[in-house]
Structures are given as structure tokens and as C-alpha cells.
Amino acid sequence: KGNKEKSKPMFFCSKWSIGKVVDFAASLASLKNDN
């Protein structure tokens, strides 16, 4: 919430961990990621 873009279509690898999915999605959407 608060992001300029509301949503974004993405695809990931089914074998990835949720942590890797979050990191990859953050980079695609240019989100700050201090995980």
C-alpha cells in the first residue's frame, strides 16, 4: 500500500523458496528490500 503501481504480473520458478520469490519480486517492482 502506498506504492505508485498497484499490481504487477510476474512469474517465478515453482521450485523457488518464498524468500527467493520475495527478493525477485522486489527487484522486478523496484521495492525496498531489507530482508
All heavy atoms as atom14 arrays in JSON, in Angstrom:
{
  "sequence": "KGNKEKSKPMFFCSKWSIGKVVDFAASLASLKNDN",
  "atom14_mask": [
    [1, 1, 1, 1, 1, 1, 1, 1, 1, 0, 0, 0, 0, 0],
    [1, 1, 1, 1, 0, 0, 0, 0, 0, 0, 0, 0, 0, 0],
    [1, 1, 1, 1, 1, 1, 1, 1, 0, 0, 0, 0, 0, 0],
    [1, 1, 1, 1, 1, 1, 1, 1, 1, 0, 0, 0, 0, 0],
    [1, 1, 1, 1, 1, 1, 1, 1, 1, 0, 0, 0, 0, 0],
    [1, 1, 1, 1, 1, 1, 1, 1, 1, 0, 0, 0, 0, 0],
    [1, 1, 1, 1, 1, 1, 0, 0, 0, 0, 0, 0, 0, 0],
    [1, 1, 1, 1, 1, 1, 1, 1, 1, 0, 0, 0, 0, 0],
    [1, 1, 1, 1, 1, 1, 1, 0, 0, 0, 0, 0, 0, 0],
    [1, 1, 1, 1, 1, 1, 1, 1, 0, 0, 0, 0, 0, 0],
    [1, 1, 1, 1, 1, 1, 1, 1, 1, 1, 1, 0, 0, 0],
    [1, 1, 1, 1, 1, 1, 1, 1, 1, 1, 1, 0, 0, 0],
    [1, 1, 1, 1, 1, 1, 0, 0, 0, 0, 0, 0, 0, 0],
    [1, 1, 1, 1, 1, 1, 0, 0, 0, 0, 0, 0, 0, 0],
    [1, 1, 1, 1, 1, 1, 1, 1, 1, 0, 0, 0, 0, 0],
    [1, 1, 1, 1, 1, 1, 1, 1, 1, 1, 1, 1, 1, 1],
    [1, 1, 1, 1, 1, 1, 0, 0, 0, 0, 0, 0, 0, 0],
    [1, 1, 1, 1, 1, 1, 1, 1, 0, 0, 0, 0, 0, 0],
    [1, 1, 1, 1, 0, 0, 0, 0, 0, 0, 0, 0, 0, 0],
    [1, 1, 1, 1, 1, 1, 1, 1, 1, 0, 0, 0, 0, 0],
    [1, 1, 1, 1, 1, 1, 1, 0, 0, 0, 0, 0, 0, 0],
    [1, 1, 1, 1, 1, 1, 1, 0, 0, 0, 0, 0, 0, 0],
    [1, 1, 1, 1, 1, 1, 1, 1, 0, 0, 0, 0, 0, 0],
    [1, 1, 1, 1, 1, 1, 1, 1, 1, 1, 1, 0, 0, 0],
    [1, 1, 1, 1, 1, 0, 0, 0, 0, 0, 0, 0, 0, 0],
    [1, 1, 1, 1, 1, 0, 0, 0, 0, 0, 0, 0, 0, 0],
    [1, 1, 1, 1, 1, 1, 0, 0, 0, 0, 0, 0, 0, 0],
    [1, 1, 1, 1, 1, 1, 1, 1, 0, 0, 0, 0, 0, 0],
    [1, 1, 1, 1, 1, 0, 0, 0, 0, 0, 0, 0, 0, 0],
    [1, 1, 1, 1, 1, 1, 0, 0, 0, 0, 0, 0, 0, 0],
    [1, 1, 1, 1, 1, 1, 1, 1, 0, 0, 0, 0, 0, 0],
    [1, 1, 1, 1, 1, 1, 1, 1, 1, 0, 0, 0, 0, 0],
    [1, 1, 1, 1, 1, 1, 1, 1, 0, 0, 0, 0, 0, 0],
    [1, 1, 1, 1, 1, 1, 1, 1, 0, 0, 0, 0, 0, 0],
    [1, 1, 1, 1, 1, 1, 1, 1, 0, 0, 0, 0, 0, 0]
  ],
  "atom14_positions": [
    [[0.84, -1.2, 0.0], [0.0, 0.0, 0.0], [0.88, 1.25, 0.0], [1.88, 1.31, 0.71], [-0.92, 0.0, 1.22], [-2.04, -1.03, 1.13], [-2.99, -0.93, 2.3], [-4.15, -1.91, 2.15], [-5.1, -1.84, 3.28], [0.0, 0.0, 0.0], [0.0, 0.0, 0.0], [0.0, 0.0, 0.0], [0.0, 0.0, 0.0], [0.0, 0.0, 0.0]],
    [[0.48, 2.21, -0.78], [1.27, 3.44, -0.89], [2.19, 3.44, -2.11], [2.74, 4.49, -2.47], [0.0, 0.0, 0.0], [0.0, 0.0, 0.0], [0.0, 0.0, 0.0], [0.0, 0.0, 0.0], [0.0, 0.0, 0.0], [0.0, 0.0, 0.0], [0.0, 0.0, 0.0], [0.0, 0.0, 0.0], [0.0, 0.0, 0.0], [0.0, 0.0, 0.0]],
    [[2.34, 2.28, -2.7], [3.18, 2.19, -3.9], [2.44, 2.79, -5.09], [1.22, 2.67, -5.21], [3.54, 0.73, -4.18], [4.67, 0.59, -5.16], [5.82, 0.91, -4.85], [4.37, 0.1, -6.36], [0.0, 0.0, 0.0], [0.0, 0.0, 0.0], [0.0, 0.0, 0.0], [0.0, 0.0, 0.0], [0.0, 0.0, 0.0], [0.0, 0.0, 0.0]],
    [[3.17, 3.43, -5.98], [2.53, 4.08, -7.13], [1.82, 3.05, -8.01], [0.72, 3.29, -8.5], [3.58, 4.84, -7.95], [4.14, 6.07, -7.24], [5.14, 6.79, -8.13], [5.7, 8.02, -7.42], [6.69, 8.75, -8.27], [0.0, 0.0, 0.0], [0.0, 0.0, 0.0], [0.0, 0.0, 0.0], [0.0, 0.0, 0.0], [0.0, 0.0, 0.0]],
    [[2.48, 1.94, -8.22], [1.91, 0.88, -9.03], [1.13, -0.08, -8.12], [1.67, -0.55, -7.11], [3.02, 0.13, -9.77], [2.55, -0.69, -10.95], [3.72, -1.27, -11.74], [4.86, -1.22, -11.24], [3.48, -1.8, -12.84], [0.0, 0.0, 0.0], [0.0, 0.0, 0.0], [0.0, 0.0, 0.0], [0.0, 0.0, 0.0], [0.0, 0.0, 0.0]],
    [[-0.13, -0.33, -8.46], [-0.99, -1.16, -7.59], [-0.61, -2.63, -7.66], [-0.53, -3.32, -6.62], [-2.45, -0.97, -7.99], [-3.43, -1.71, -7.09], [-4.87, -1.43, -7.48], [-5.84, -2.15, -6.57], [-7.25, -1.88, -6.94], [0.0, 0.0, 0.0], [0.0, 0.0, 0.0], [0.0, 0.0, 0.0], [0.0, 0.0, 0.0], [0.0, 0.0, 0.0]],
    [[-0.39, -3.15, -8.85], [-0.05, -4.56, -9.02], [0.79, -4.75, -10.27], [0.85, -3.87, -11.14], [-1.3, -5.44, -9.08], [-2.04, -5.15, -10.26], [0.0, 0.0, 0.0], [0.0, 0.0, 0.0], [0.0, 0.0, 0.0], [0.0, 0.0, 0.0], [0.0, 0.0, 0.0], [0.0, 0.0, 0.0], [0.0, 0.0, 0.0], [0.0, 0.0, 0.0]],
    [[1.39, -5.93, -10.34], [2.26, -6.2, -11.48], [2.24, -7.71, -11.78], [2.37, -8.52, -10.87], [3.68, -5.75, -11.15], [4.64, -5.72, -12.32], [5.99, -5.17, -11.87], [6.95, -5.02, -13.04], [6.54, -3.92, -13.96], [0.0, 0.0, 0.0], [0.0, 0.0, 0.0], [0.0, 0.0, 0.0], [0.0, 0.0, 0.0], [0.0, 0.0, 0.0]],
    [[2.05, -8.12, -13.05], [2.08, -9.54, -13.39], [3.51, -10.06, -13.43], [4.38, -9.46, -14.05], [1.42, -9.58, -14.78], [1.67, -8.22, -15.37], [1.69, -7.27, -14.22], [0.0, 0.0, 0.0], [0.0, 0.0, 0.0], [0.0, 0.0, 0.0], [0.0, 0.0, 0.0], [0.0, 0.0, 0.0], [0.0, 0.0, 0.0], [0.0, 0.0, 0.0]],
    [[3.74, -11.19, -12.76], [5.08, -11.76, -12.69], [5.0, -13.28, -12.76], [3.95, -13.88, -12.51], [5.76, -11.38, -11.36], [5.86, -9.91, -11.07], [6.69, -9.61, -9.47], [6.46, -7.86, -9.27], [0.0, 0.0, 0.0], [0.0, 0.0, 0.0], [0.0, 0.0, 0.0], [0.0, 0.0, 0.0], [0.0, 0.0, 0.0], [0.0, 0.0, 0.0]],
    [[6.14, -13.9, -13.08], [6.21, -15.36, -12.99], [7.5, -15.77, -12.28], [8.51, -15.07, -12.34], [6.08, -16.03, -14.36], [7.21, -15.75, -15.32], [8.37, -16.52, -15.32], [7.09, -14.72, -16.27], [9.39, -16.28, -16.23], [8.12, -14.48, -17.17], [9.28, -15.26, -17.15], [0.0, 0.0, 0.0], [0.0, 0.0, 0.0], [0.0, 0.0, 0.0]],
    [[7.42, -16.88, -11.57], [8.53, -17.37, -10.76], [8.72, -18.86, -11.01], [7.88, -19.51, -11.65], [8.26, -17.13, -9.27], [7.79, -15.75, -8.95], [6.43, -15.46, -8.86], [8.7, -14.72, -8.76], [5.99, -14.18, -8.57], [8.27, -13.43, -8.46], [6.9, -13.16, -8.38], [0.0, 0.0, 0.0], [0.0, 0.0, 0.0], [0.0, 0.0, 0.0]],
    [[9.79, -19.4, -10.48], [10.04, -20.83, -10.58], [9.31, -21.55, -9.45], [9.37, -21.13, -8.29], [11.54, -21.11, -10.52], [11.95, -22.87, -10.6], [0.0, 0.0, 0.0], [0.0, 0.0, 0.0], [0.0, 0.0, 0.0], [0.0, 0.0, 0.0], [0.0, 0.0, 0.0], [0.0, 0.0, 0.0], [0.0, 0.0, 0.0], [0.0, 0.0, 0.0]],
    [[8.62, -22.61, -9.77], [7.85, -23.35, -8.77], [8.73, -23.95, -7.68], [8.25, -24.24, -6.58], [7.05, -24.47, -9.45], [7.93, -25.39, -10.1], [0.0, 0.0, 0.0], [0.0, 0.0, 0.0], [0.0, 0.0, 0.0], [0.0, 0.0, 0.0], [0.0, 0.0, 0.0], [0.0, 0.0, 0.0], [0.0, 0.0, 0.0], [0.0, 0.0, 0.0]],
    [[10.02, -24.14, -7.98], [10.93, -24.76, -7.02], [11.58, -23.74, -6.08], [12.26, -24.12, -5.14], [12.02, -25.53, -7.77], [11.47, -26.64, -8.65], [12.59, -27.4, -9.33], [12.04, -28.45, -10.31], [11.2, -29.45, -9.62], [0.0, 0.0, 0.0], [0.0, 0.0, 0.0], [0.0, 0.0, 0.0], [0.0, 0.0, 0.0], [0.0, 0.0, 0.0]],
    [[11.35, -22.46, -6.35], [11.97, -21.43, -5.51], [11.34, -21.41, -4.11], [10.16, -21.73, -3.93], [11.79, -20.06, -6.14], [12.69, -19.8, -7.31], [13.65, -20.61, -7.81], [12.67, -18.63, -8.13], [14.26, -20.04, -8.9], [13.68, -18.81, -9.12], [11.94, -17.46, -8.16], [13.96, -17.86, -10.09], [12.22, -16.49, -9.13], [13.21, -16.69, -10.08]],
    [[12.15, -20.96, -3.15], [11.62, -20.72, -1.8], [10.84, -19.41, -1.81], [11.02, -18.57, -2.7], [12.76, -20.64, -0.79], [13.55, -19.48, -1.03], [0.0, 0.0, 0.0], [0.0, 0.0, 0.0], [0.0, 0.0, 0.0], [0.0, 0.0, 0.0], [0.0, 0.0, 0.0], [0.0, 0.0, 0.0], [0.0, 0.0, 0.0], [0.0, 0.0, 0.0]],
    [[9.98, -19.24, -0.81], [9.2, -18.0, -0.7], [10.15, -16.82, -0.53], [9.91, -15.73, -1.08], [8.21, -18.07, 0.48], [7.22, -19.22, 0.28], [7.46, -16.75, 0.66], [6.36, -19.12, -0.95], [0.0, 0.0, 0.0], [0.0, 0.0, 0.0], [0.0, 0.0, 0.0], [0.0, 0.0, 0.0], [0.0, 0.0, 0.0], [0.0, 0.0, 0.0]],
    [[11.25, -17.01, 0.2], [12.22, -15.93, 0.4], [12.81, -15.45, -0.92], [12.95, -14.24, -1.15], [0.0, 0.0, 0.0], [0.0, 0.0, 0.0], [0.0, 0.0, 0.0], [0.0, 0.0, 0.0], [0.0, 0.0, 0.0], [0.0, 0.0, 0.0], [0.0, 0.0, 0.0], [0.0, 0.0, 0.0], [0.0, 0.0, 0.0], [0.0, 0.0, 0.0]],
    [[13.13, -16.41, -1.82], [13.7, -16.05, -3.12], [12.65, -15.37, -3.99], [12.96, -14.44, -4.76], [14.25, -17.29, -3.82], [14.97, -16.98, -5.11], [15.69, -18.19, -5.67], [16.45, -17.84, -6.96], [17.19, -19.0, -7.51], [0.0, 0.0, 0.0], [0.0, 0.0, 0.0], [0.0, 0.0, 0.0], [0.0, 0.0, 0.0], [0.0, 0.0, 0.0]],
    [[11.39, -15.83, -3.9], [10.3, -15.2, -4.65], [10.15, -13.75, -4.24], [9.99, -12.85, -5.09], [8.97, -15.96, -4.43], [7.79, -15.19, -5.03], [9.04, -17.36, -5.04], [0.0, 0.0, 0.0], [0.0, 0.0, 0.0], [0.0, 0.0, 0.0], [0.0, 0.0, 0.0], [0.0, 0.0, 0.0], [0.0, 0.0, 0.0], [0.0, 0.0, 0.0]],
    [[10.2, -13.48, -2.91], [10.08, -12.11, -2.4], [11.22, -11.25, -2.94], [11.0, -10.12, -3.42], [10.07, -12.09, -0.86], [10.17, -10.66, -0.34], [8.8, -12.75, -0.33], [0.0, 0.0, 0.0], [0.0, 0.0, 0.0], [0.0, 0.0, 0.0], [0.0, 0.0, 0.0], [0.0, 0.0, 0.0], [0.0, 0.0, 0.0], [0.0, 0.0, 0.0]],
    [[12.44, -11.75, -2.89], [13.61, -10.98, -3.36], [13.48, -10.67, -4.85], [13.76, -9.53, -5.29], [14.9, -11.76, -3.1], [15.21, -11.87, -1.61], [14.68, -11.06, -0.84], [15.97, -12.78, -1.24], [0.0, 0.0, 0.0], [0.0, 0.0, 0.0], [0.0, 0.0, 0.0], [0.0, 0.0, 0.0], [0.0, 0.0, 0.0], [0.0, 0.0, 0.0]],
    [[13.06, -11.67, -5.62], [12.96, -11.48, -7.07], [11.84, -10.5, -7.41], [11.98, -9.64, -8.28], [12.72, -12.83, -7.75], [12.85, -12.79, -9.23], [14.1, -12.72, -9.85], [11.72, -12.81, -10.05], [14.22, -12.7, -11.24], [11.82, -12.76, -11.43], [13.08, -12.71, -12.04], [0.0, 0.0, 0.0], [0.0, 0.0, 0.0], [0.0, 0.0, 0.0]],
    [[10.69, -10.63, -6.71], [9.56, -9.73, -6.96], [9.92, -8.3, -6.58], [9.53, -7.35, -7.28], [8.35, -10.2, -6.16], [0.0, 0.0, 0.0], [0.0, 0.0, 0.0], [0.0, 0.0, 0.0], [0.0, 0.0, 0.0], [0.0, 0.0, 0.0], [0.0, 0.0, 0.0], [0.0, 0.0, 0.0], [0.0, 0.0, 0.0], [0.0, 0.0, 0.0]],
    [[10.68, -8.13, -5.48], [11.08, -6.79, -5.06], [11.96, -6.12, -6.11], [11.84, -4.91, -6.38], [11.82, -6.88, -3.72], [0.0, 0.0, 0.0], [0.0, 0.0, 0.0], [0.0, 0.0, 0.0], [0.0, 0.0, 0.0], [0.0, 0.0, 0.0], [0.0, 0.0, 0.0], [0.0, 0.0, 0.0], [0.0, 0.0, 0.0], [0.0, 0.0, 0.0]],
    [[12.84, -6.9, -6.71], [13.72, -6.34, -7.74], [12.93, -5.98, -9.0], [13.19, -4.95, -9.63], [14.85, -7.32, -8.09], [14.32, -8.51, -8.67], [0.0, 0.0, 0.0], [0.0, 0.0, 0.0], [0.0, 0.0, 0.0], [0.0, 0.0, 0.0], [0.0, 0.0, 0.0], [0.0, 0.0, 0.0], [0.0, 0.0, 0.0], [0.0, 0.0, 0.0]],
    [[11.94, -6.8, -9.38], [11.12, -6.51, -10.56], [10.26, -5.27, -10.37], [10.03, -4.52, -11.32], [10.22, -7.7, -10.89], [10.89, -8.97, -11.45], [9.84, -10.05, -11.67], [11.62, -8.68, -12.75], [0.0, 0.0, 0.0], [0.0, 0.0, 0.0], [0.0, 0.0, 0.0], [0.0, 0.0, 0.0], [0.0, 0.0, 0.0], [0.0, 0.0, 0.0]],
    [[9.78, -5.05, -9.14], [8.9, -3.91, -8.86], [9.66, -2.73, -8.27], [9.04, -1.73, -7.89], [7.8, -4.34, -7.9], [0.0, 0.0, 0.0], [0.0, 0.0, 0.0], [0.0, 0.0, 0.0], [0.0, 0.0, 0.0], [0.0, 0.0, 0.0], [0.0, 0.0, 0.0], [0.0, 0.0, 0.0], [0.0, 0.0, 0.0], [0.0, 0.0, 0.0]],
    [[10.98, -2.84, -8.18], [11.83, -1.77, -7.62], [11.4, -1.38, -6.21], [11.26, -0.2, -5.86], [11.8, -0.53, -8.54], [12.24, -0.86, -9.85], [0.0, 0.0, 0.0], [0.0, 0.0, 0.0], [0.0, 0.0, 0.0], [0.0, 0.0, 0.0], [0.0, 0.0, 0.0], [0.0, 0.0, 0.0], [0.0, 0.0, 0.0], [0.0, 0.0, 0.0]],
    [[11.16, -2.39, -5.37], [10.75, -2.16, -3.99], [11.95, -2.24, -3.06], [12.89, -3.01, -3.29], [9.71, -3.22, -3.55], [8.39, -3.24, -4.33], [7.54, -4.43, -3.88], [7.62, -1.93, -4.14], [0.0, 0.0, 0.0], [0.0, 0.0, 0.0], [0.0, 0.0, 0.0], [0.0, 0.0, 0.0], [0.0, 0.0, 0.0], [0.0, 0.0, 0.0]],
    [[11.89, -1.46, -2.0], [12.95, -1.51, -0.99], [12.87, -2.87, -0.29], [11.81, -3.3, 0.15], [12.74, -0.38, 0.02], [13.81, -0.34, 1.1], [13.54, 0.8, 2.08], [14.58, 0.81, 3.2], [14.33, 1.88, 4.18], [0.0, 0.0, 0.0], [0.0, 0.0, 0.0], [0.0, 0.0, 0.0], [0.0, 0.0, 0.0], [0.0, 0.0, 0.0]],
    [[14.01, -3.52, -0.18], [14.03, -4.86, 0.41], [15.2, -4.98, 1.38], [16.36, -5.1, 0.97], [14.14, -5.92, -0.69], [14.12, -7.34, -0.12], [13.79, -7.56, 1.03], [14.52, -8.3, -0.96], [0.0, 0.0, 0.0], [0.0, 0.0, 0.0], [0.0, 0.0, 0.0], [0.0, 0.0, 0.0], [0.0, 0.0, 0.0], [0.0, 0.0, 0.0]],
    [[14.88, -4.91, 2.69], [15.9, -5.03, 3.74], [15.74, -6.34, 4.5], [16.04, -6.42, 5.7], [15.8, -3.85, 4.73], [16.19, -2.53, 4.08], [17.0, -2.56, 3.12], [15.68, -1.47, 4.5], [0.0, 0.0, 0.0], [0.0, 0.0, 0.0], [0.0, 0.0, 0.0], [0.0, 0.0, 0.0], [0.0, 0.0, 0.0], [0.0, 0.0, 0.0]],
    [[15.26, -7.36, 3.82], [15.01, -8.63, 4.49], [16.29, -9.29, 4.99], [16.25, -10.14, 5.88], [14.28, -9.6, 3.55], [12.8, -9.24, 3.39], [12.36, -8.22, 3.92], [12.06, -10.04, 2.64], [0.0, 0.0, 0.0], [0.0, 0.0, 0.0], [0.0, 0.0, 0.0], [0.0, 0.0, 0.0], [0.0, 0.0, 0.0], [0.0, 0.0, 0.0]]
  ]
}
